[in-house]
Amino acid sequence: MKRILITSAIPSVNGVKHLGNLVGSMLPADVYARFCRARGYETLAICATDEHGAPIELAAAEEGIPVSEYCDKWHAVQADLGARFGLSWDHFGRSSSDQNREMTWHFARQLWKNGHLDVRTTKQAYSATDGRFLPDRYVIGTCPHCGNINARGDQCEVCTRVLDPIDLIEPRSAVSGAKDIEIRDSRHLFLKQTNFVDQLRAWIASHKNDWPVIVTSIANKWLDEGLQDRGITRDLEWGFPVPDDIADGQLAGKVFYVWFDAPIEYIGATKEWADKNNLGDDAWRDWWHGDRAKDVTYVEFMGKDNVPFHTIIFPAMILGTGEPWKKVDRLKGFNYINYDGAKFSTSSKRGIFMDGALDILPADYWRYYLMANSPESSDSMFTWEHFQGVINKDLADVLGNFVNRVTKFCVARFDGAVPSEGEYGDDEKALAARLDTLVAQYTEHLEACEFRKALAELRAIWVAANEYITVAAPWTHFKADRAKAAVGIRMGLNLIHLFGHLCWPVMPTAARAIHHAIQNAPEIIPWPSKPMAEFLGQLEPGQKIAPPDVLFAKIADEQVAEWRARFSGTGL
């Protein structure tokens, strides 16, 4: 049995995530995890909230509550929204957990012992107006590489280059806007990434056939431009403190940088899962450490802005421990999805956020659309007209209408039971052969995490079913040739049963409703393993069926106009 470990880039705990965040990591990770479970693979899907860093500390201050309380609140919100979106994590952890603290300290101690950390005096931004050192993200200025005037002091979102506040041109405080930025000395712990350039280059090259071009190009760009040692501590109050046995206590009052402990949380969250279920240490080590993890295929999902941390920084940390930790095998990177001509904006509430999306439509509408249009090879653009067109055509007309017509005709003309008359003929055999090809291609694309291609095949399967039922025309033949009509309806019901299986990774709620129309669905709807000629003949004659409620309602022009105004962010 294959063993598949799946992680998504962990979302920052502050606030509700928008659909770009969802489709760039968490949703494709869930679709792939569901597919792996359906295939019968031993699967562990792990995610968490990222609960450290300056934005968390300052956001809590703005709300006037302790940081721990702020994290408790927003972790619960994100866990609830994820569940409502059908994200089926085996564990949704927290990077501030005791398990992650111990794991972070272990990594740091190993790196220190092996000579891959040292203490350096650095120049840090200090705001006299704010009366404090400013964390990287709270210094804003012009990027020296691309000229972006709103680059943050840790990374430029435009060119993705990692920065230090001292690099910025005309820096200013993101807290107060003050420009009285002083540069003062502060001692910090540095990860000597330059020790690992050759190893990282060889490791990245070994995955040129496993990773998308966007991933390898970003990783190699970092190496080609010259890898720099990286500070891994910060002047903050919230975070994991540096243990006194590192650097002889020189770093008292410092905490680890969020991008040091955040990727370690993949391991920490797996230990949280094992502890929560009383499974013991062997359970999490089986996925992450030594010989136990050699047969694991580790698959990560993330947006392109996170790629450097997972192809350079975290692998360097693992290499530096000198321990046999599992490194990623397949890394699926995504471009950005933009909203209606511009970027999503959290500050102005421009765009669709997870809570707002669920207020207006069930999760499966969004899951299907986002995966069918996932930003794999380039950035993509969400527009309301395109969304309306895809939902109305693919889900309402092609899928939903087929299920509705066949099941209701069965109730009206065959007493709501699978008809027994007639035998499958050439048309049914031809359809089964065509579906063998389409289902195999759909399966292949999901195995490869090629989601746009996969969903194109899924839609082609629905189209093939519609073409068949149009030719079979049971409603036309019922009076003159009941047996011929019965064959068409029996095949139609078997096709609906097939849809219930194939849709489950992408649209789990709709898939369950489709499957229940034919027969009770198991918790995990398994992947079809039989040839289509056999699968499409499984339903027993006389078996009762039950038409589902409307699976997908069409979206009206009036709704589009209302939603565009609601999510425009105008006046906020």
Protein backbone atom coordinates (compact mmCIF):
# COMPACT_ATOMS: atom_id res chain seq x y z
CA MET A 1 0.00 0.00 0.00
CA LYS A 2 1.27 3.45 -0.88
CA ARG A 3 1.88 5.79 2.03
CA ILE A 4 1.19 9.44 1.23
CA LEU A 5 2.00 12.32 3.59
CA ILE A 6 0.32 15.59 2.58
CA THR A 7 0.89 19.06 3.97
CA SER A 8 -0.43 22.45 2.96
CA ALA A 9 1.34 25.73 3.58
CA ILE A 10 -0.03 26.70 6.97
CA PRO A 11 -2.21 29.83 6.96
CA SER A 12 -1.45 32.70 9.27
CA VAL A 13 -3.89 32.67 12.17
CA ASN A 14 -4.88 36.31 11.77
CA GLY A 15 -8.23 36.80 10.09
CA VAL A 16 -10.31 34.95 7.54
CA LYS A 17 -8.48 33.73 4.43
CA HIS A 18 -9.58 34.73 0.93
CA LEU A 19 -10.19 32.33 -1.95
CA GLY A 20 -6.70 32.96 -3.33
CA ASN A 21 -5.23 31.60 -0.10
CA LEU A 22 -7.60 28.63 -0.29
CA VAL A 23 -6.86 27.58 -3.87
CA GLY A 24 -3.12 28.17 -3.51
CA SER A 25 -2.56 25.47 -0.89
CA MET A 26 -5.31 24.10 1.34
CA LEU A 27 -7.97 23.15 -1.22
CA PRO A 28 -5.71 21.27 -3.67
CA ALA A 29 -4.13 19.48 -0.70
CA ASP A 30 -7.58 18.32 0.37
CA VAL A 31 -8.63 17.24 -3.12
CA TYR A 32 -5.45 15.20 -3.41
CA ALA A 33 -5.87 13.73 0.08
CA ARG A 34 -9.43 12.64 -0.68
CA PHE A 35 -8.29 11.12 -3.96
CA CYS A 36 -5.52 9.18 -2.19
CA ARG A 37 -7.96 7.87 0.42
CA ALA A 38 -10.38 6.85 -2.33
CA ARG A 39 -7.55 4.94 -4.00
CA GLY A 40 -6.93 3.05 -0.77
CA TYR A 41 -3.55 4.62 0.00
CA GLU A 42 -2.51 5.06 3.61
CA THR A 43 -2.90 8.82 3.80
CA LEU A 44 -2.08 11.45 6.41
CA ALA A 45 -3.08 15.06 5.67
CA ILE A 46 -1.73 17.70 8.04
CA CYS A 47 -2.29 21.43 8.32
CA ALA A 48 -2.21 24.05 11.10
CA THR A 49 -2.49 27.72 11.85
CA ASP A 50 0.73 29.74 11.84
CA GLU A 51 0.56 31.60 15.17
CA HIS A 52 3.82 33.49 15.55
CA GLY A 53 5.29 36.62 14.05
CA ALA A 54 4.87 40.37 14.25
CA PRO A 55 1.48 40.55 12.51
CA ILE A 56 -0.06 38.30 15.16
CA GLU A 57 1.42 40.26 18.05
CA LEU A 58 0.30 43.60 16.65
CA ALA A 59 -3.15 42.39 15.57
CA ALA A 60 -3.80 41.17 19.11
CA ALA A 61 -2.71 44.55 20.43
CA GLU A 62 -5.16 46.27 18.09
CA GLU A 63 -7.97 44.07 19.45
CA GLY A 64 -6.82 44.75 22.99
CA ILE A 65 -6.54 41.09 23.98
CA PRO A 66 -3.61 38.82 24.93
CA VAL A 67 -1.89 37.20 21.97
CA SER A 68 -2.71 33.70 23.19
CA GLU A 69 -6.40 34.59 23.41
CA TYR A 70 -6.27 36.15 19.95
CA CYS A 71 -4.74 32.93 18.55
CA ASP A 72 -7.33 30.78 20.33
CA LYS A 73 -10.11 32.82 18.78
CA TRP A 74 -8.86 32.81 15.20
CA HIS A 75 -7.67 29.21 15.21
CA ALA A 76 -11.23 28.19 16.08
CA VAL A 77 -12.61 30.39 13.29
CA GLN A 78 -10.25 28.95 10.70
CA ALA A 79 -10.83 25.37 11.81
CA ASP A 80 -14.59 25.90 11.51
CA LEU A 81 -14.37 27.51 8.07
CA GLY A 82 -12.07 24.77 6.86
CA ALA A 83 -14.49 22.09 8.03
CA ARG A 84 -17.38 23.91 6.34
CA PHE A 85 -15.36 23.98 3.12
CA GLY A 86 -14.87 20.22 3.41
CA LEU A 87 -11.15 20.34 4.23
CA SER A 88 -10.64 16.87 5.65
CA TRP A 89 -7.40 17.21 7.59
CA ASP A 90 -6.40 14.30 9.77
CA HIS A 91 -5.19 17.03 12.12
CA PHE A 92 -5.41 20.83 12.03
CA GLY A 93 -2.77 21.91 14.49
CA ARG A 94 -1.23 25.08 15.92
CA SER A 95 2.32 26.27 15.48
CA SER A 96 2.30 27.61 19.07
CA SER A 97 1.76 24.11 20.47
CA ASP A 98 3.98 22.53 23.11
CA GLN A 99 4.90 19.84 20.58
CA ASN A 100 6.15 22.40 18.09
CA ARG A 101 8.08 24.29 20.76
CA GLU A 102 9.96 21.13 21.72
CA MET A 103 10.54 20.26 18.06
CA THR A 104 11.79 23.78 17.29
CA TRP A 105 14.19 23.68 20.23
CA HIS A 106 15.43 20.27 19.08
CA PHE A 107 16.16 21.57 15.58
CA ALA A 108 17.90 24.68 16.94
CA ARG A 109 20.05 22.68 19.36
CA GLN A 110 21.11 20.27 16.61
CA LEU A 111 21.98 23.10 14.25
CA TRP A 112 23.95 24.86 17.00
CA LYS A 113 25.78 21.67 17.96
CA ASN A 114 26.70 21.02 14.33
CA GLY A 115 28.08 24.52 13.82
CA HIS A 116 25.38 25.76 11.45
CA LEU A 117 24.22 28.63 13.69
CA ASP A 118 26.14 31.60 15.01
CA VAL A 119 25.49 34.87 16.81
CA ARG A 120 25.93 38.09 14.85
CA THR A 121 25.39 41.72 15.64
CA THR A 122 22.94 43.12 13.15
CA LYS A 123 21.48 46.45 12.24
CA GLN A 124 17.81 46.55 13.22
CA ALA A 125 15.15 49.11 12.43
CA TYR A 126 14.05 51.09 15.46
CA SER A 127 11.23 53.65 15.50
CA ALA A 128 11.56 56.42 18.05
CA THR A 129 7.92 57.36 17.42
CA ASP A 130 6.76 53.82 18.17
CA GLY A 131 9.35 53.35 20.94
CA ARG A 132 10.38 49.88 19.81
CA PHE A 133 12.35 47.76 17.42
CA LEU A 134 10.18 47.15 14.38
CA PRO A 135 9.74 43.57 13.22
CA ASP A 136 10.63 43.01 9.59
CA ARG A 137 7.06 43.02 8.30
CA TYR A 138 6.37 46.35 9.98
CA VAL A 139 8.97 48.24 8.06
CA ILE A 140 7.76 49.26 4.61
CA GLY A 141 9.71 50.89 1.81
CA THR A 142 10.88 50.58 -1.77
CA CYS A 143 12.30 47.23 -2.86
CA PRO A 144 15.90 47.71 -4.07
CA HIS A 145 15.45 44.91 -6.63
CA CYS A 146 12.18 45.70 -8.41
CA GLY A 147 11.14 49.15 -7.19
CA ASN A 148 7.92 48.06 -5.47
CA ILE A 149 7.16 51.04 -3.18
CA ASN A 150 5.23 48.92 -0.67
CA ALA A 151 7.72 46.13 -0.07
CA ARG A 152 7.82 44.71 3.44
CA GLY A 153 11.01 44.34 5.42
CA ASP A 154 10.95 40.54 5.19
CA GLN A 155 9.91 39.87 1.58
CA CYS A 156 8.79 41.74 -1.51
CA GLU A 157 5.46 40.36 -2.68
CA VAL A 158 6.12 41.53 -6.24
CA CYS A 159 9.51 39.94 -6.98
CA THR A 160 9.43 37.42 -4.05
CA ARG A 161 12.96 38.40 -2.96
CA VAL A 162 13.62 37.94 0.75
CA LEU A 163 14.68 41.25 2.33
CA ASP A 164 15.88 42.82 5.55
CA PRO A 165 14.50 46.17 6.68
CA ILE A 166 17.94 47.69 6.18
CA ASP A 167 17.67 46.85 2.46
CA LEU A 168 14.62 49.04 1.91
CA ILE A 169 14.83 52.48 0.34
CA GLU A 170 13.03 55.25 2.27
CA PRO A 171 11.77 52.90 5.03
CA ARG A 172 8.80 53.84 7.18
CA SER A 173 6.90 52.28 10.08
CA ALA A 174 3.86 50.24 9.11
CA VAL A 175 2.52 50.85 12.61
CA SER A 176 2.52 54.63 12.68
CA GLY A 177 3.78 55.65 9.25
CA ALA A 178 6.68 57.45 10.94
CA LYS A 179 9.82 57.89 8.88
CA ASP A 180 12.13 58.40 11.86
CA ILE A 181 13.61 54.95 11.40
CA GLU A 182 16.94 54.48 13.17
CA ILE A 183 19.23 51.55 12.61
CA ARG A 184 20.51 50.14 15.90
CA ASP A 185 22.67 47.17 16.86
CA SER A 186 20.96 43.99 17.99
CA ARG A 187 22.40 40.48 18.40
CA HIS A 188 20.68 37.62 16.63
CA LEU A 189 21.08 33.97 15.76
CA PHE A 190 21.86 33.19 12.10
CA LEU A 191 21.37 30.03 10.07
CA LYS A 192 24.43 29.55 7.86
CA GLN A 193 22.55 28.65 4.71
CA THR A 194 25.71 29.15 2.68
CA ASN A 195 26.95 25.85 4.13
CA PHE A 196 24.36 23.98 2.09
CA VAL A 197 24.44 25.52 -1.39
CA ASP A 198 25.90 22.50 -3.17
CA GLN A 199 23.65 20.02 -1.35
CA LEU A 200 20.57 22.11 -2.04
CA ARG A 201 21.42 22.53 -5.71
CA ALA A 202 21.89 18.78 -6.14
CA TRP A 203 18.69 18.00 -4.23
CA ILE A 204 16.63 20.48 -6.28
CA ALA A 205 18.11 19.10 -9.51
CA SER A 206 17.05 15.59 -8.46
CA HIS A 207 13.43 16.78 -8.48
CA LYS A 208 13.36 18.48 -11.88
CA ASN A 209 10.88 15.83 -13.10
CA ASP A 210 8.77 15.86 -9.91
CA TRP A 211 8.24 19.59 -9.41
CA PRO A 212 6.51 22.17 -11.62
CA VAL A 213 8.72 24.63 -13.48
CA ILE A 214 7.53 27.47 -11.24
CA VAL A 215 9.01 25.66 -8.22
CA THR A 216 12.40 24.75 -9.67
CA SER A 217 12.81 28.15 -11.32
CA ILE A 218 12.19 30.05 -8.09
CA ALA A 219 14.49 27.74 -6.12
CA ASN A 220 17.31 27.96 -8.66
CA LYS A 221 16.91 31.72 -8.94
CA TRP A 222 17.64 31.99 -5.23
CA LEU A 223 20.75 29.87 -5.55
CA ASP A 224 21.94 31.58 -8.73
CA GLU A 225 21.62 35.03 -7.20
CA GLY A 226 23.72 33.99 -4.21
CA LEU A 227 22.31 32.41 -1.08
CA GLN A 228 22.72 34.47 2.08
CA ASP A 229 22.87 33.41 5.73
CA ARG A 230 19.55 34.16 7.41
CA GLY A 231 18.66 35.58 10.82
CA ILE A 232 16.32 33.22 12.66
CA THR A 233 15.53 35.27 15.78
CA ARG A 234 13.55 38.46 16.30
CA ASP A 235 12.97 41.19 18.89
CA LEU A 236 9.44 40.19 19.84
CA GLU A 237 7.62 39.09 22.97
CA TRP A 238 5.43 36.44 21.33
CA GLY A 239 7.14 33.31 20.06
CA PHE A 240 9.35 30.47 21.19
CA PRO A 241 12.25 31.87 23.27
CA VAL A 242 15.80 30.85 22.45
CA PRO A 243 16.95 28.27 25.03
CA ASP A 244 19.75 29.39 27.37
CA ASP A 245 21.93 26.43 26.32
CA ILE A 246 22.28 27.97 22.85
CA ALA A 247 24.93 30.72 22.58
CA ASP A 248 25.53 30.67 26.34
CA GLY A 249 22.45 32.76 27.05
CA GLN A 250 23.55 35.66 24.83
CA LEU A 251 20.10 35.78 23.22
CA ALA A 252 17.92 36.23 26.27
CA GLY A 253 14.71 37.99 25.32
CA LYS A 254 14.85 36.90 21.69
CA VAL A 255 12.32 34.59 20.07
CA PHE A 256 12.64 32.40 17.01
CA TYR A 257 11.61 33.94 13.72
CA VAL A 258 8.23 32.67 12.54
CA TRP A 259 9.79 31.24 9.39
CA PHE A 260 12.05 29.05 11.52
CA ASP A 261 9.35 27.36 13.59
CA ALA A 262 6.49 27.43 11.03
CA PRO A 263 7.75 24.65 8.70
CA ILE A 264 8.82 22.59 11.71
CA GLU A 265 5.13 22.63 12.63
CA TYR A 266 4.48 20.09 9.88
CA ILE A 267 6.32 17.65 12.13
CA GLY A 268 4.99 19.25 15.31
CA ALA A 269 1.40 18.97 14.11
CA THR A 270 1.93 15.31 13.26
CA LYS A 271 3.10 14.77 16.83
CA GLU A 272 0.01 16.69 18.01
CA TRP A 273 -2.09 14.22 15.98
CA ALA A 274 -0.31 11.23 17.53
CA ASP A 275 -0.61 12.64 21.06
CA LYS A 276 -4.27 13.56 20.62
CA ASN A 277 -5.08 10.00 19.53
CA ASN A 278 -2.80 8.34 22.12
CA LEU A 279 -0.79 6.67 19.38
CA GLY A 280 2.69 7.09 20.85
CA ASP A 281 5.87 8.51 19.34
CA ASP A 282 6.29 5.73 16.79
CA ALA A 283 3.11 6.90 15.04
CA TRP A 284 4.48 10.31 14.05
CA ARG A 285 8.03 9.05 13.50
CA ASP A 286 6.64 6.52 11.00
CA TRP A 287 5.89 9.47 8.73
CA TRP A 288 8.88 11.68 9.38
CA HIS A 289 12.02 10.02 10.65
CA GLY A 290 14.56 7.41 9.62
CA ASP A 291 13.84 4.01 8.15
CA ARG A 292 10.19 4.22 9.18
CA ALA A 293 9.59 7.02 6.66
CA LYS A 294 11.53 5.62 3.70
CA ASP A 295 8.39 4.29 2.01
CA VAL A 296 6.49 7.57 2.48
CA THR A 297 5.85 9.88 -0.47
CA TYR A 298 5.69 13.40 0.94
CA VAL A 299 3.64 15.91 -1.09
CA GLU A 300 3.47 19.64 -0.26
CA PHE A 301 1.10 22.30 -1.66
CA MET A 302 1.78 26.04 -1.55
CA GLY A 303 1.63 29.38 -3.32
CA LYS A 304 4.70 30.61 -5.17
CA ASP A 305 5.56 33.11 -2.43
CA ASN A 306 6.17 30.21 -0.05
CA VAL A 307 8.36 28.22 -2.43
CA PRO A 308 11.75 29.62 -1.27
CA PHE A 309 11.10 28.70 2.34
CA HIS A 310 10.27 25.10 1.42
CA THR A 311 12.96 24.53 -1.21
CA ILE A 312 15.83 26.40 0.46
CA ILE A 313 15.37 27.39 4.11
CA PHE A 314 13.53 24.38 5.58
CA PRO A 315 15.61 21.81 3.63
CA ALA A 316 18.78 23.59 4.84
CA MET A 317 17.49 23.32 8.40
CA ILE A 318 16.86 19.58 7.92
CA LEU A 319 20.28 19.02 6.36
CA GLY A 320 21.92 20.95 9.18
CA THR A 321 20.50 18.71 11.89
CA GLY A 322 22.42 15.76 10.47
CA GLU A 323 19.36 13.63 11.22
CA PRO A 324 17.27 11.52 8.83
CA TRP A 325 14.17 13.73 8.64
CA LYS A 326 11.84 13.25 5.69
CA LYS A 327 12.23 15.88 2.96
CA VAL A 328 9.54 16.68 0.44
CA ASP A 329 9.27 14.40 -2.60
CA ARG A 330 6.70 16.31 -4.65
CA LEU A 331 6.14 20.02 -4.25
CA LYS A 332 3.13 21.53 -6.02
CA GLY A 333 3.48 25.29 -6.33
CA PHE A 334 0.69 27.61 -7.47
CA ASN A 335 0.58 31.06 -8.98
CA TYR A 336 -1.85 33.70 -7.74
CA ILE A 337 -5.54 34.07 -8.40
CA ASN A 338 -6.62 37.70 -8.62
CA TYR A 339 -10.05 39.19 -8.14
CA ASP A 340 -12.03 40.97 -10.85
CA GLY A 341 -9.15 42.88 -12.42
CA ALA A 342 -6.94 43.45 -9.39
CA LYS A 343 -5.53 41.73 -6.32
CA PHE A 344 -7.48 40.47 -3.35
CA SER A 345 -7.13 42.96 -0.50
CA THR A 346 -7.49 41.89 3.10
CA SER A 347 -7.20 45.43 4.43
CA SER A 348 -10.03 46.80 2.27
CA LYS A 349 -12.04 43.56 2.24
CA ARG A 350 -11.90 43.50 -1.53
CA GLY A 351 -12.56 40.05 -2.92
CA ILE A 352 -14.22 36.89 -1.67
CA PHE A 353 -13.20 35.51 1.71
CA MET A 354 -14.05 32.06 2.97
CA ASP A 355 -16.84 33.17 5.30
CA GLY A 356 -18.46 35.41 2.70
CA ALA A 357 -18.24 32.69 0.05
CA LEU A 358 -20.15 30.26 2.27
CA ASP A 359 -22.76 32.90 3.06
CA ILE A 360 -23.89 32.98 -0.56
CA LEU A 361 -23.26 29.47 -1.93
CA PRO A 362 -22.41 25.97 -0.66
CA ALA A 363 -18.76 24.95 -0.59
CA ASP A 364 -18.92 22.61 -3.59
CA TYR A 365 -19.68 25.46 -6.00
CA TRP A 366 -16.42 27.08 -4.95
CA ARG A 367 -14.41 23.87 -4.75
CA TYR A 368 -15.28 22.90 -8.32
CA TYR A 369 -14.73 26.35 -9.81
CA LEU A 370 -11.44 26.99 -8.05
CA MET A 371 -9.95 23.62 -8.93
CA ALA A 372 -11.17 23.79 -12.54
CA ASN A 373 -9.46 27.18 -12.82
CA SER A 374 -6.56 26.71 -10.42
CA PRO A 375 -3.57 28.99 -11.12
CA GLU A 376 -1.11 26.25 -12.01
CA SER A 377 0.83 27.49 -15.04
CA SER A 378 0.17 31.21 -14.62
CA ASP A 379 -1.80 33.68 -12.54
CA SER A 380 -5.55 33.45 -13.05
CA MET A 381 -8.38 35.93 -12.67
CA PHE A 382 -11.70 35.47 -10.92
CA THR A 383 -14.58 37.30 -12.57
CA TRP A 384 -18.21 36.97 -11.65
CA GLU A 385 -19.28 36.40 -15.26
CA HIS A 386 -16.86 33.51 -15.67
CA PHE A 387 -17.87 32.01 -12.33
CA GLN A 388 -21.55 32.28 -13.27
CA GLY A 389 -20.93 30.68 -16.66
CA VAL A 390 -18.95 27.74 -15.26
CA ILE A 391 -21.46 26.99 -12.51
CA ASN A 392 -24.50 27.30 -14.74
CA LYS A 393 -23.08 25.27 -17.59
CA ASP A 394 -20.91 22.62 -15.93
CA LEU A 395 -22.68 22.03 -12.64
CA ALA A 396 -26.31 22.99 -13.26
CA ASP A 397 -26.73 21.99 -16.91
CA VAL A 398 -24.24 19.21 -17.57
CA LEU A 399 -24.07 17.41 -14.21
CA GLY A 400 -27.12 18.45 -12.22
CA ASN A 401 -29.60 18.28 -15.09
CA PHE A 402 -28.46 14.77 -16.02
CA VAL A 403 -28.97 13.49 -12.49
CA ASN A 404 -32.32 15.25 -12.21
CA ARG A 405 -33.74 14.02 -15.55
CA VAL A 406 -32.71 10.40 -15.16
CA THR A 407 -33.77 9.91 -11.53
CA LYS A 408 -37.10 11.71 -11.91
CA PHE A 409 -37.97 9.79 -15.08
CA CYS A 410 -37.12 6.58 -13.26
CA VAL A 411 -39.57 7.49 -10.49
CA ALA A 412 -42.27 8.58 -12.93
CA ARG A 413 -42.05 5.63 -15.34
CA PHE A 414 -40.25 2.79 -13.55
CA ASP A 415 -41.66 3.13 -10.02
CA GLY A 416 -38.38 4.54 -8.67
CA ALA A 417 -36.49 1.28 -9.18
CA VAL A 418 -33.64 0.22 -11.46
CA PRO A 419 -35.42 -1.27 -14.51
CA SER A 420 -34.64 -4.83 -15.54
CA GLU A 421 -35.85 -4.97 -19.13
CA GLY A 422 -33.53 -5.09 -22.11
CA GLU A 423 -29.84 -5.75 -22.58
CA TYR A 424 -26.93 -3.38 -23.12
CA GLY A 425 -26.04 -3.07 -26.79
CA ASP A 426 -23.46 -1.41 -29.01
CA ASP A 427 -24.15 2.12 -27.76
CA GLU A 428 -23.59 1.10 -24.15
CA LYS A 429 -20.45 -0.85 -25.00
CA ALA A 430 -19.06 2.10 -26.93
CA LEU A 431 -19.78 4.42 -24.02
CA ALA A 432 -18.05 2.05 -21.57
CA ALA A 433 -14.96 1.93 -23.79
CA ARG A 434 -14.89 5.73 -24.07
CA LEU A 435 -15.26 6.09 -20.33
CA ASP A 436 -12.41 3.65 -19.71
CA THR A 437 -10.15 6.17 -21.45
CA LEU A 438 -11.63 9.26 -19.80
CA VAL A 439 -11.58 7.81 -16.28
CA ALA A 440 -8.01 6.60 -16.75
CA GLN A 441 -6.96 10.10 -17.85
CA TYR A 442 -8.84 11.71 -14.95
CA THR A 443 -7.09 9.34 -12.55
CA GLU A 444 -3.69 9.98 -14.11
CA HIS A 445 -4.08 13.76 -13.84
CA LEU A 446 -5.14 13.59 -10.19
CA GLU A 447 -2.20 11.32 -9.40
CA ALA A 448 0.05 13.95 -10.98
CA CYS A 449 -1.74 16.82 -9.17
CA GLU A 450 -2.62 18.37 -12.53
CA PHE A 451 -5.96 19.71 -11.37
CA ARG A 452 -7.11 21.77 -14.34
CA LYS A 453 -6.46 18.85 -16.66
CA ALA A 454 -8.18 16.50 -14.23
CA LEU A 455 -11.33 18.55 -14.02
CA ALA A 456 -11.45 18.95 -17.78
CA GLU A 457 -11.60 15.14 -17.94
CA LEU A 458 -14.28 15.01 -15.24
CA ARG A 459 -16.40 17.41 -17.25
CA ALA A 460 -15.76 15.33 -20.39
CA ILE A 461 -17.13 12.30 -18.52
CA TRP A 462 -20.34 14.20 -17.74
CA VAL A 463 -20.57 15.37 -21.34
CA ALA A 464 -20.17 11.80 -22.62
CA ALA A 465 -23.01 10.71 -20.36
CA ASN A 466 -25.23 13.51 -21.65
CA GLU A 467 -24.43 12.63 -25.26
CA TYR A 468 -25.36 9.02 -24.55
CA ILE A 469 -28.67 9.84 -22.88
CA THR A 470 -29.59 12.23 -25.70
CA VAL A 471 -29.17 9.43 -28.23
CA ALA A 472 -30.77 6.78 -26.00
CA ALA A 473 -33.73 9.16 -25.40
CA PRO A 474 -35.63 6.93 -22.95
CA TRP A 475 -38.42 9.53 -22.61
CA THR A 476 -39.02 9.26 -26.36
CA HIS A 477 -38.97 5.47 -26.55
CA PHE A 478 -40.90 4.64 -23.37
CA LYS A 479 -44.32 4.16 -24.96
CA ALA A 480 -43.20 2.38 -28.12
CA ASP A 481 -40.27 0.36 -26.76
CA ARG A 482 -40.24 0.11 -22.97
CA ALA A 483 -37.22 -2.24 -22.97
CA LYS A 484 -35.12 0.25 -24.93
CA ALA A 485 -36.14 3.02 -22.54
CA ALA A 486 -35.29 0.75 -19.61
CA VAL A 487 -31.76 0.16 -20.95
CA GLY A 488 -31.19 3.90 -21.24
CA ILE A 489 -32.42 4.58 -17.70
CA ARG A 490 -30.47 1.67 -16.22
CA MET A 491 -27.31 2.94 -17.88
CA GLY A 492 -28.17 6.48 -16.75
CA LEU A 493 -28.50 5.36 -13.12
CA ASN A 494 -25.20 3.51 -13.30
CA LEU A 495 -23.60 6.65 -14.72
CA ILE A 496 -24.96 8.66 -11.78
CA HIS A 497 -23.47 6.05 -9.46
CA LEU A 498 -20.14 6.54 -11.26
CA PHE A 499 -20.41 10.33 -10.83
CA GLY A 500 -20.83 9.85 -7.08
CA HIS A 501 -17.47 8.08 -6.97
CA LEU A 502 -15.56 10.38 -9.30
CA CYS A 503 -16.80 13.66 -7.82
CA TRP A 504 -15.96 12.88 -4.20
CA PRO A 505 -12.41 14.33 -4.07
CA VAL A 506 -13.56 17.62 -5.59
CA MET A 507 -17.18 18.02 -4.41
CA PRO A 508 -17.65 15.76 -1.39
CA THR A 509 -21.10 16.99 -0.35
CA ALA A 510 -22.59 16.83 -3.85
CA ALA A 511 -20.90 13.47 -4.44
CA ARG A 512 -22.54 12.07 -1.33
CA ALA A 513 -25.95 13.41 -2.41
CA ILE A 514 -25.46 11.87 -5.88
CA HIS A 515 -24.35 8.54 -4.41
CA HIS A 516 -27.25 8.50 -1.94
CA ALA A 517 -29.67 8.90 -4.83
CA ILE A 518 -28.60 5.41 -5.88
CA GLN A 519 -27.50 3.75 -2.61
CA ASN A 520 -25.97 4.64 0.74
CA ALA A 521 -22.47 6.06 0.45
CA PRO A 522 -19.55 4.89 2.61
CA GLU A 523 -17.58 7.45 4.59
CA ILE A 524 -14.80 7.32 2.00
CA ILE A 525 -16.27 6.81 -1.47
CA PRO A 526 -13.79 4.45 -3.16
CA TRP A 527 -12.25 4.99 -6.56
CA PRO A 528 -13.67 2.84 -9.38
CA SER A 529 -11.33 -0.11 -9.81
CA LYS A 530 -13.33 -2.17 -12.32
CA PRO A 531 -13.48 -1.76 -16.09
CA MET A 532 -16.36 0.51 -17.03
CA ALA A 533 -18.28 -2.28 -18.77
CA GLU A 534 -18.41 -4.02 -15.39
CA PHE A 535 -18.83 -0.93 -13.20
CA LEU A 536 -21.76 0.33 -15.27
CA GLY A 537 -23.64 -2.92 -14.83
CA GLN A 538 -23.45 -3.12 -11.04
CA LEU A 539 -26.87 -1.85 -10.01
CA GLU A 540 -29.33 -4.61 -9.21
CA PRO A 541 -32.65 -4.55 -11.11
CA GLY A 542 -35.43 -3.58 -8.75
CA GLN A 543 -33.12 -1.57 -6.49
CA LYS A 544 -34.90 1.56 -5.29
CA ILE A 545 -33.49 5.00 -6.07
CA ALA A 546 -34.38 8.43 -4.70
CA PRO A 547 -34.02 11.65 -6.73
CA PRO A 548 -31.90 14.18 -4.85
CA ASP A 549 -32.91 17.77 -4.31
CA VAL A 550 -31.58 20.27 -6.83
CA LEU A 551 -27.83 19.73 -6.77
CA PHE A 552 -26.76 23.06 -8.23
CA ALA A 553 -29.02 26.06 -8.67
CA LYS A 554 -28.28 28.40 -11.53
CA ILE A 555 -26.82 31.79 -10.69
CA ALA A 556 -28.95 34.69 -11.91
CA ASP A 557 -27.68 37.98 -13.31
CA GLU A 558 -29.27 39.79 -10.36
CA GLN A 559 -27.25 37.73 -7.92
CA VAL A 560 -24.04 38.50 -9.80
CA ALA A 561 -24.75 42.23 -9.60
CA GLU A 562 -25.49 41.99 -5.88
CA TRP A 563 -22.37 39.95 -5.12
CA ARG A 564 -20.09 42.16 -7.19
CA ALA A 565 -21.19 45.16 -5.13
CA ARG A 566 -20.92 43.24 -1.86
CA PHE A 567 -17.36 42.03 -2.42
CA SER A 568 -15.94 45.10 -4.18
CA GLY A 569 -14.55 46.61 -0.98
CA THR A 570 -15.84 50.00 -2.13
CA GLY A 571 -16.00 52.47 0.71
CA LEU A 572 -14.24 50.18 3.19
